[in-house]
Amino acid sequence: MKRILSFLLGLSLFALATTSNAQSIPADSTSLKAYAGTYTFESGSPVQKFIVTTDKGDLFGEADTNGKNKLLKQDKADTFKSTSSYGSVITFVRDVATKAVTGFTMAIQGTELSAKKDKP
């Protein structure tokens, strides 16, 4: 009996340690689809359109027609960092009531740009 209790206690402690040390897991492909869509920047912005897509559980972004770059999940909610040479950080904005993604802000080279989702 003591052996079984020791085993169960050890197993519980292992599970607890594994859970508390776990890195944040990337969002699953279903939740990533909430970000997918076409976004339009404000008038006068150096970028006109930004297209967000999902592929095999990863999120990608393409500014105008400059090629897709992977967007890496960051610790902050709804925030991703582009693998582009610019290293922009994109923080998606959600509607307070519906929680639907309605746009994003992009921090890039000391500038912040805003875009609205075309069909939220």
N, C-alpha and C. Protein backbone atom coordinates (compact mmCIF):
# COMPACT_ATOMS: atom_id res chain seq x y z
N MET A 1 0.82 -1.20 0.00
CA MET A 1 0.00 0.00 0.00
C MET A 1 0.86 1.25 0.00
N LYS A 2 1.93 1.25 0.84
CA LYS A 2 2.82 2.41 0.89
C LYS A 2 3.48 2.64 -0.46
N ARG A 3 3.81 1.56 -1.13
CA ARG A 3 4.45 1.66 -2.44
C ARG A 3 3.51 2.33 -3.46
N ILE A 4 2.26 1.95 -3.43
CA ILE A 4 1.27 2.52 -4.35
C ILE A 4 1.08 4.00 -4.04
N LEU A 5 0.95 4.34 -2.76
CA LEU A 5 0.79 5.74 -2.38
C LEU A 5 2.01 6.57 -2.77
N SER A 6 3.21 6.02 -2.57
CA SER A 6 4.43 6.72 -2.96
C SER A 6 4.46 6.94 -4.47
N PHE A 7 4.08 5.91 -5.22
CA PHE A 7 4.05 6.02 -6.68
C PHE A 7 3.06 7.10 -7.12
N LEU A 8 1.86 7.09 -6.55
CA LEU A 8 0.83 8.08 -6.91
C LEU A 8 1.27 9.49 -6.53
N LEU A 9 1.89 9.65 -5.37
CA LEU A 9 2.38 10.95 -4.95
C LEU A 9 3.47 11.44 -5.90
N GLY A 10 4.39 10.55 -6.25
CA GLY A 10 5.45 10.90 -7.20
C GLY A 10 4.88 11.28 -8.55
N LEU A 11 3.91 10.53 -9.03
CA LEU A 11 3.27 10.82 -10.30
C LEU A 11 2.56 12.18 -10.26
N SER A 12 1.89 12.46 -9.16
CA SER A 12 1.19 13.74 -9.00
C SER A 12 2.17 14.91 -9.01
N LEU A 13 3.28 14.75 -8.27
CA LEU A 13 4.29 15.81 -8.24
C LEU A 13 4.92 16.02 -9.61
N PHE A 14 5.16 14.94 -10.33
CA PHE A 14 5.71 15.05 -11.68
C PHE A 14 4.75 15.82 -12.58
N ALA A 15 3.47 15.46 -12.53
CA ALA A 15 2.46 16.14 -13.35
C ALA A 15 2.38 17.61 -13.00
N LEU A 16 2.42 17.92 -11.71
CA LEU A 16 2.35 19.31 -11.26
C LEU A 16 3.57 20.09 -11.74
N ALA A 17 4.75 19.51 -11.63
CA ALA A 17 5.98 20.19 -12.06
C ALA A 17 5.98 20.38 -13.57
N THR A 18 5.52 19.39 -14.30
CA THR A 18 5.48 19.49 -15.76
C THR A 18 4.51 20.57 -16.18
N THR A 19 3.35 20.64 -15.53
CA THR A 19 2.36 21.65 -15.87
C THR A 19 2.85 23.05 -15.56
N SER A 20 3.47 23.26 -14.41
CA SER A 20 3.89 24.60 -14.02
C SER A 20 5.08 25.10 -14.84
N ASN A 21 5.89 24.18 -15.39
CA ASN A 21 7.04 24.58 -16.19
C ASN A 21 6.75 24.61 -17.68
N ALA A 22 5.54 24.28 -18.08
CA ALA A 22 5.22 24.21 -19.50
C ALA A 22 5.25 25.60 -20.13
N GLN A 23 5.78 25.66 -21.32
CA GLN A 23 5.77 26.89 -22.10
C GLN A 23 4.36 27.10 -22.62
N SER A 24 4.03 28.34 -22.95
CA SER A 24 2.70 28.56 -23.51
C SER A 24 2.63 27.88 -24.87
N ILE A 25 1.58 27.15 -25.07
CA ILE A 25 1.40 26.40 -26.31
C ILE A 25 0.77 27.32 -27.34
N PRO A 26 1.25 27.28 -28.59
CA PRO A 26 0.64 28.12 -29.62
C PRO A 26 -0.84 27.82 -29.75
N ALA A 27 -1.58 28.83 -30.16
CA ALA A 27 -3.01 28.66 -30.35
C ALA A 27 -3.26 27.58 -31.39
N ASP A 28 -4.34 26.81 -31.21
CA ASP A 28 -4.62 25.77 -32.19
C ASP A 28 -5.16 26.39 -33.47
N SER A 29 -5.18 25.59 -34.53
CA SER A 29 -5.54 26.12 -35.84
C SER A 29 -6.97 26.67 -35.87
N THR A 30 -7.86 26.15 -35.03
CA THR A 30 -9.23 26.66 -34.99
C THR A 30 -9.24 28.10 -34.49
N SER A 31 -8.53 28.38 -33.41
CA SER A 31 -8.52 29.74 -32.87
C SER A 31 -7.72 30.68 -33.76
N LEU A 32 -6.75 30.16 -34.50
CA LEU A 32 -5.97 31.01 -35.42
C LEU A 32 -6.84 31.54 -36.55
N LYS A 33 -7.88 30.79 -36.91
CA LYS A 33 -8.76 31.22 -38.01
C LYS A 33 -9.46 32.54 -37.69
N ALA A 34 -9.59 32.86 -36.40
CA ALA A 34 -10.22 34.13 -36.01
C ALA A 34 -9.41 35.32 -36.53
N TYR A 35 -8.09 35.13 -36.69
CA TYR A 35 -7.22 36.21 -37.16
C TYR A 35 -7.20 36.32 -38.68
N ALA A 36 -7.52 35.23 -39.37
CA ALA A 36 -7.42 35.18 -40.83
C ALA A 36 -8.35 36.20 -41.48
N GLY A 37 -7.86 36.81 -42.55
CA GLY A 37 -8.66 37.76 -43.31
C GLY A 37 -7.80 38.84 -43.93
N THR A 38 -8.47 39.76 -44.58
CA THR A 38 -7.80 40.89 -45.22
C THR A 38 -8.01 42.12 -44.36
N TYR A 39 -6.93 42.84 -44.12
CA TYR A 39 -6.95 44.04 -43.30
C TYR A 39 -6.53 45.23 -44.16
N THR A 40 -7.20 46.37 -43.98
CA THR A 40 -6.88 47.58 -44.73
C THR A 40 -6.35 48.63 -43.77
N PHE A 41 -5.21 49.23 -44.15
CA PHE A 41 -4.58 50.26 -43.33
C PHE A 41 -5.23 51.60 -43.57
N GLU A 42 -4.98 52.52 -42.65
CA GLU A 42 -5.51 53.88 -42.75
C GLU A 42 -4.95 54.56 -44.00
N SER A 43 -5.67 55.50 -44.51
CA SER A 43 -5.24 56.27 -45.68
C SER A 43 -3.88 56.92 -45.43
N GLY A 44 -3.00 56.87 -46.41
CA GLY A 44 -1.68 57.48 -46.28
C GLY A 44 -0.64 56.56 -45.68
N SER A 45 -1.03 55.37 -45.29
CA SER A 45 -0.09 54.41 -44.71
C SER A 45 0.85 53.88 -45.79
N PRO A 46 2.09 53.55 -45.44
CA PRO A 46 3.02 52.99 -46.43
C PRO A 46 2.61 51.58 -46.88
N VAL A 47 1.73 50.94 -46.12
CA VAL A 47 1.19 49.63 -46.48
C VAL A 47 -0.31 49.80 -46.68
N GLN A 48 -0.84 49.20 -47.74
CA GLN A 48 -2.27 49.33 -48.03
C GLN A 48 -3.09 48.16 -47.47
N LYS A 49 -2.65 46.94 -47.77
CA LYS A 49 -3.38 45.73 -47.36
C LYS A 49 -2.45 44.78 -46.64
N PHE A 50 -3.02 43.99 -45.76
CA PHE A 50 -2.29 42.95 -45.05
C PHE A 50 -3.20 41.73 -45.01
N ILE A 51 -2.73 40.63 -45.54
CA ILE A 51 -3.54 39.41 -45.59
C ILE A 51 -2.98 38.40 -44.58
N VAL A 52 -3.85 37.93 -43.70
CA VAL A 52 -3.48 36.94 -42.69
C VAL A 52 -4.12 35.62 -43.07
N THR A 53 -3.29 34.56 -43.11
CA THR A 53 -3.76 33.23 -43.46
C THR A 53 -3.26 32.22 -42.43
N THR A 54 -3.88 31.04 -42.45
CA THR A 54 -3.41 29.94 -41.61
C THR A 54 -3.01 28.79 -42.53
N ASP A 55 -2.02 28.04 -42.09
CA ASP A 55 -1.59 26.87 -42.85
C ASP A 55 -0.93 25.89 -41.89
N LYS A 56 -1.51 24.70 -41.78
CA LYS A 56 -0.96 23.63 -40.95
C LYS A 56 -0.66 24.07 -39.52
N GLY A 57 -1.57 24.83 -38.93
CA GLY A 57 -1.43 25.25 -37.54
C GLY A 57 -0.55 26.46 -37.32
N ASP A 58 -0.13 27.11 -38.40
CA ASP A 58 0.69 28.32 -38.29
C ASP A 58 -0.05 29.52 -38.88
N LEU A 59 0.31 30.70 -38.41
CA LEU A 59 -0.29 31.94 -38.88
C LEU A 59 0.73 32.67 -39.75
N PHE A 60 0.27 33.23 -40.87
CA PHE A 60 1.14 33.95 -41.79
C PHE A 60 0.53 35.30 -42.12
N GLY A 61 1.39 36.27 -42.42
CA GLY A 61 0.95 37.59 -42.82
C GLY A 61 1.69 38.05 -44.05
N GLU A 62 0.98 38.75 -44.92
CA GLU A 62 1.59 39.30 -46.13
C GLU A 62 1.17 40.74 -46.31
N ALA A 63 2.15 41.65 -46.29
CA ALA A 63 1.91 43.07 -46.49
C ALA A 63 1.94 43.36 -47.98
N ASP A 64 0.84 43.91 -48.50
CA ASP A 64 0.67 44.16 -49.93
C ASP A 64 1.02 42.88 -50.68
N THR A 65 1.97 42.89 -51.58
CA THR A 65 2.34 41.66 -52.29
C THR A 65 3.83 41.36 -52.07
N ASN A 66 4.27 41.53 -50.83
CA ASN A 66 5.69 41.37 -50.51
C ASN A 66 6.06 39.97 -50.03
N GLY A 67 5.18 39.00 -50.15
CA GLY A 67 5.48 37.63 -49.71
C GLY A 67 5.03 37.38 -48.29
N LYS A 68 4.67 36.11 -48.03
CA LYS A 68 4.18 35.71 -46.71
C LYS A 68 5.34 35.52 -45.74
N ASN A 69 5.07 35.89 -44.49
CA ASN A 69 6.00 35.65 -43.39
C ASN A 69 5.22 35.03 -42.24
N LYS A 70 5.88 34.10 -41.56
CA LYS A 70 5.26 33.44 -40.41
C LYS A 70 5.11 34.43 -39.28
N LEU A 71 3.98 34.33 -38.57
CA LEU A 71 3.72 35.16 -37.40
C LEU A 71 3.83 34.27 -36.17
N LEU A 72 4.76 34.60 -35.29
CA LEU A 72 5.04 33.79 -34.11
C LEU A 72 4.31 34.33 -32.89
N LYS A 73 3.57 33.47 -32.20
CA LYS A 73 2.80 33.85 -31.01
C LYS A 73 3.73 34.37 -29.93
N GLN A 74 3.34 35.48 -29.32
CA GLN A 74 4.09 36.09 -28.22
C GLN A 74 3.32 35.86 -26.92
N ASP A 75 3.93 36.17 -25.80
CA ASP A 75 3.30 35.95 -24.50
C ASP A 75 2.03 36.79 -24.30
N LYS A 76 2.04 38.01 -24.81
CA LYS A 76 0.89 38.90 -24.66
C LYS A 76 -0.27 38.39 -25.54
N ALA A 77 -1.47 38.44 -25.01
CA ALA A 77 -2.65 37.96 -25.74
C ALA A 77 -2.79 38.64 -27.10
N ASP A 78 -3.16 37.85 -28.11
CA ASP A 78 -3.43 38.35 -29.47
C ASP A 78 -2.23 39.05 -30.11
N THR A 79 -1.02 38.72 -29.67
CA THR A 79 0.17 39.38 -30.17
C THR A 79 1.10 38.38 -30.85
N PHE A 80 1.60 38.78 -32.02
CA PHE A 80 2.46 37.94 -32.83
C PHE A 80 3.62 38.77 -33.36
N LYS A 81 4.76 38.11 -33.57
CA LYS A 81 5.92 38.78 -34.16
C LYS A 81 6.19 38.18 -35.52
N SER A 82 6.38 39.03 -36.50
CA SER A 82 6.64 38.58 -37.86
C SER A 82 8.08 38.10 -38.00
N THR A 83 8.28 37.08 -38.82
CA THR A 83 9.62 36.60 -39.12
C THR A 83 10.25 37.39 -40.27
N SER A 84 9.58 38.43 -40.72
CA SER A 84 10.13 39.26 -41.80
C SER A 84 11.39 39.97 -41.31
N SER A 85 12.15 40.51 -42.22
CA SER A 85 13.37 41.23 -41.84
C SER A 85 13.06 42.48 -41.01
N TYR A 86 11.82 42.97 -41.06
CA TYR A 86 11.43 44.13 -40.27
C TYR A 86 11.11 43.77 -38.82
N GLY A 87 10.73 42.51 -38.59
CA GLY A 87 10.42 42.06 -37.23
C GLY A 87 9.26 42.78 -36.59
N SER A 88 8.25 43.12 -37.38
CA SER A 88 7.11 43.85 -36.85
C SER A 88 6.36 43.02 -35.81
N VAL A 89 5.73 43.71 -34.87
CA VAL A 89 4.92 43.07 -33.84
C VAL A 89 3.47 43.48 -34.09
N ILE A 90 2.63 42.47 -34.22
CA ILE A 90 1.23 42.70 -34.55
C ILE A 90 0.37 42.32 -33.36
N THR A 91 -0.45 43.27 -32.91
CA THR A 91 -1.38 43.01 -31.82
C THR A 91 -2.79 43.17 -32.36
N PHE A 92 -3.51 42.06 -32.39
CA PHE A 92 -4.87 42.08 -32.92
C PHE A 92 -5.82 42.72 -31.91
N VAL A 93 -6.84 43.39 -32.43
CA VAL A 93 -7.84 44.09 -31.62
C VAL A 93 -9.15 43.32 -31.75
N ARG A 94 -9.82 43.14 -30.62
CA ARG A 94 -11.11 42.44 -30.62
C ARG A 94 -12.25 43.36 -30.19
N ASP A 95 -13.42 43.08 -30.70
CA ASP A 95 -14.63 43.77 -30.27
C ASP A 95 -14.90 43.37 -28.83
N VAL A 96 -15.20 44.33 -27.97
CA VAL A 96 -15.39 44.06 -26.55
C VAL A 96 -16.57 43.11 -26.32
N ALA A 97 -17.67 43.30 -27.03
CA ALA A 97 -18.87 42.50 -26.80
C ALA A 97 -18.79 41.11 -27.44
N THR A 98 -18.37 41.05 -28.71
CA THR A 98 -18.41 39.78 -29.43
C THR A 98 -17.10 39.00 -29.38
N LYS A 99 -16.01 39.65 -29.00
CA LYS A 99 -14.66 39.07 -28.97
C LYS A 99 -14.12 38.75 -30.37
N ALA A 100 -14.83 39.18 -31.41
CA ALA A 100 -14.37 38.97 -32.79
C ALA A 100 -13.19 39.89 -33.09
N VAL A 101 -12.24 39.40 -33.87
CA VAL A 101 -11.09 40.21 -34.28
C VAL A 101 -11.58 41.24 -35.29
N THR A 102 -11.31 42.53 -35.01
CA THR A 102 -11.79 43.61 -35.87
C THR A 102 -10.66 44.41 -36.52
N GLY A 103 -9.43 44.17 -36.10
CA GLY A 103 -8.30 44.91 -36.67
C GLY A 103 -7.03 44.57 -35.93
N PHE A 104 -5.98 45.36 -36.17
CA PHE A 104 -4.73 45.19 -35.44
C PHE A 104 -3.91 46.46 -35.49
N THR A 105 -2.94 46.51 -34.60
CA THR A 105 -1.91 47.54 -34.66
C THR A 105 -0.59 46.82 -34.96
N MET A 106 0.25 47.47 -35.75
CA MET A 106 1.53 46.90 -36.12
C MET A 106 2.64 47.86 -35.69
N ALA A 107 3.50 47.40 -34.81
CA ALA A 107 4.67 48.19 -34.41
C ALA A 107 5.81 47.77 -35.32
N ILE A 108 6.29 48.73 -36.11
CA ILE A 108 7.33 48.43 -37.08
C ILE A 108 8.30 49.59 -37.19
N GLN A 109 9.56 49.34 -36.95
CA GLN A 109 10.63 50.33 -37.05
C GLN A 109 10.29 51.65 -36.35
N GLY A 110 9.82 51.54 -35.11
CA GLY A 110 9.52 52.73 -34.31
C GLY A 110 8.22 53.43 -34.67
N THR A 111 7.43 52.83 -35.55
CA THR A 111 6.16 53.42 -35.98
C THR A 111 5.03 52.45 -35.67
N GLU A 112 3.87 52.97 -35.37
CA GLU A 112 2.71 52.11 -35.15
C GLU A 112 1.67 52.40 -36.23
N LEU A 113 1.28 51.36 -36.93
CA LEU A 113 0.26 51.45 -37.98
C LEU A 113 -0.98 50.70 -37.52
N SER A 114 -2.15 51.17 -37.95
CA SER A 114 -3.41 50.51 -37.60
C SER A 114 -4.11 50.04 -38.86
N ALA A 115 -4.75 48.88 -38.74
CA ALA A 115 -5.52 48.33 -39.86
C ALA A 115 -6.83 47.77 -39.33
N LYS A 116 -7.85 47.82 -40.16
CA LYS A 116 -9.17 47.29 -39.81
C LYS A 116 -9.44 46.06 -40.67
N LYS A 117 -10.06 45.06 -40.05
CA LYS A 117 -10.41 43.84 -40.78
C LYS A 117 -11.55 44.17 -41.74
N ASP A 118 -11.40 43.75 -43.00
CA ASP A 118 -12.42 44.08 -44.00
C ASP A 118 -13.79 43.48 -43.70
N LYS A 119 -13.83 42.24 -43.24
CA LYS A 119 -15.11 41.60 -42.90
C LYS A 119 -14.97 40.93 -41.55
N PRO A 120 -15.12 41.69 -40.46
CA PRO A 120 -14.90 41.09 -39.12
C PRO A 120 -15.90 40.04 -38.72
